[in-house]
Amino acid sequence: MLVAWLIPAPNAQASEELFGGVGDVVQGAFAIPMGTLAGTLGGPPVIGTMVGAVTGAFGTAYYTTRGAFRIAGSVIPLARAAAPFFLPFLF
């Protein structure tokens, strides 16, 4: 508990980016099924399904890449805040 109290609070923007990045990765995982379902229900029977799957594939690539970069950018300030407490254990 003492260590948790001594670690300075990380930047609020870094925490926001971290959780936003995790949300983007989760959204990317469900983009293909959601796109396929939306294309099937909102378009012509076969063409709508195919267009929805392609749209979902692009959404998966976009959201997963965006989430990975957001997570990578948010980890740097969080690691900078915690590094002084973990470095003595490495040497």
Protein backbone atom coordinates (compact mmCIF):
# COMPACT_ATOMS: atom_id res chain seq x y z
CA MET A 1 0.00 0.00 0.00
CA LEU A 2 2.88 2.30 0.71
CA VAL A 3 4.29 1.78 -2.79
CA ALA A 4 0.90 2.57 -4.34
CA TRP A 5 0.80 5.77 -2.34
CA LEU A 6 4.33 6.77 -3.36
CA ILE A 7 3.82 6.28 -7.09
CA PRO A 8 2.76 9.61 -8.54
CA ALA A 9 -0.63 9.68 -10.19
CA PRO A 10 -0.25 9.22 -13.94
CA ASN A 11 -1.43 11.80 -16.37
CA ALA A 12 -5.21 11.70 -16.82
CA GLN A 13 -4.79 11.97 -20.58
CA ALA A 14 -2.52 8.90 -20.57
CA SER A 15 -5.13 6.88 -18.69
CA GLU A 16 -7.82 8.09 -21.07
CA GLU A 17 -5.73 7.09 -24.08
CA LEU A 18 -4.98 3.68 -22.56
CA PHE A 19 -8.62 2.80 -21.99
CA GLY A 20 -9.62 4.36 -25.31
CA GLY A 21 -7.03 2.20 -27.06
CA VAL A 22 -8.30 -0.94 -25.38
CA GLY A 23 -11.83 0.03 -26.44
CA ASP A 24 -10.67 0.50 -30.03
CA VAL A 25 -9.05 -2.95 -30.08
CA VAL A 26 -12.24 -4.53 -28.73
CA GLN A 27 -14.31 -2.61 -31.27
CA GLY A 28 -11.97 -3.83 -34.01
CA ALA A 29 -12.56 -7.42 -32.94
CA PHE A 30 -16.29 -7.03 -33.47
CA ALA A 31 -16.19 -4.89 -36.63
CA ILE A 32 -16.49 -7.79 -39.12
CA PRO A 33 -19.52 -9.45 -37.48
CA MET A 34 -21.22 -6.08 -37.00
CA GLY A 35 -20.51 -5.00 -40.58
CA THR A 36 -21.75 -8.31 -41.99
CA LEU A 37 -24.92 -8.17 -39.94
CA ALA A 38 -25.57 -4.55 -40.90
CA GLY A 39 -24.98 -5.32 -44.57
CA THR A 40 -27.24 -8.36 -44.46
CA LEU A 41 -30.11 -6.56 -42.77
CA GLY A 42 -29.75 -3.24 -44.57
CA GLY A 43 -28.89 -4.21 -48.12
CA PRO A 44 -29.63 -6.70 -50.87
CA PRO A 45 -29.41 -10.34 -49.78
CA VAL A 46 -26.00 -11.39 -51.13
CA ILE A 47 -24.36 -8.14 -52.14
CA GLY A 48 -25.20 -6.47 -48.84
CA THR A 49 -23.58 -9.31 -46.92
CA MET A 50 -20.39 -9.13 -49.00
CA VAL A 51 -20.18 -5.33 -48.78
CA GLY A 52 -20.76 -5.52 -45.04
CA ALA A 53 -17.97 -8.07 -44.64
CA VAL A 54 -15.53 -5.93 -46.65
CA THR A 55 -16.52 -2.82 -44.70
CA GLY A 56 -16.06 -4.75 -41.47
CA ALA A 57 -12.60 -5.91 -42.57
CA PHE A 58 -11.53 -2.32 -43.18
CA GLY A 59 -13.04 -1.33 -39.84
CA THR A 60 -11.11 -4.12 -38.12
CA ALA A 61 -7.82 -2.97 -39.62
CA TYR A 62 -8.54 0.66 -38.76
CA TYR A 63 -9.69 0.22 -35.17
CA THR A 64 -7.04 -2.37 -34.28
CA THR A 65 -4.22 -0.21 -35.65
CA ARG A 66 -5.62 2.92 -34.01
CA GLY A 67 -5.99 1.11 -30.68
CA ALA A 68 -2.46 -0.28 -30.82
CA PHE A 69 -0.98 3.17 -31.44
CA ARG A 70 -3.11 4.74 -28.70
CA ILE A 71 -2.00 2.08 -26.22
CA ALA A 72 1.65 2.47 -27.22
CA GLY A 73 1.44 6.24 -26.83
CA SER A 74 -0.20 6.04 -23.42
CA VAL A 75 2.17 3.49 -21.92
CA ILE A 76 5.18 5.82 -22.15
CA PRO A 77 3.97 8.37 -19.53
CA LEU A 78 2.70 5.58 -17.29
CA ALA A 79 6.03 3.75 -17.46
CA ARG A 80 7.91 6.99 -16.83
CA ALA A 81 5.94 7.48 -13.60
CA ALA A 82 6.54 3.91 -12.38
CA ALA A 83 10.15 3.42 -13.54
CA PRO A 84 11.93 4.86 -10.48
CA PHE A 85 10.24 2.29 -8.27
CA PHE A 86 11.07 -0.74 -10.43
CA LEU A 87 14.63 0.07 -11.50
CA PRO A 88 16.23 -0.87 -8.14
CA PHE A 89 14.83 -4.38 -8.52
CA LEU A 90 16.47 -4.85 -11.92
CA PHE A 91 20.05 -4.29 -10.76
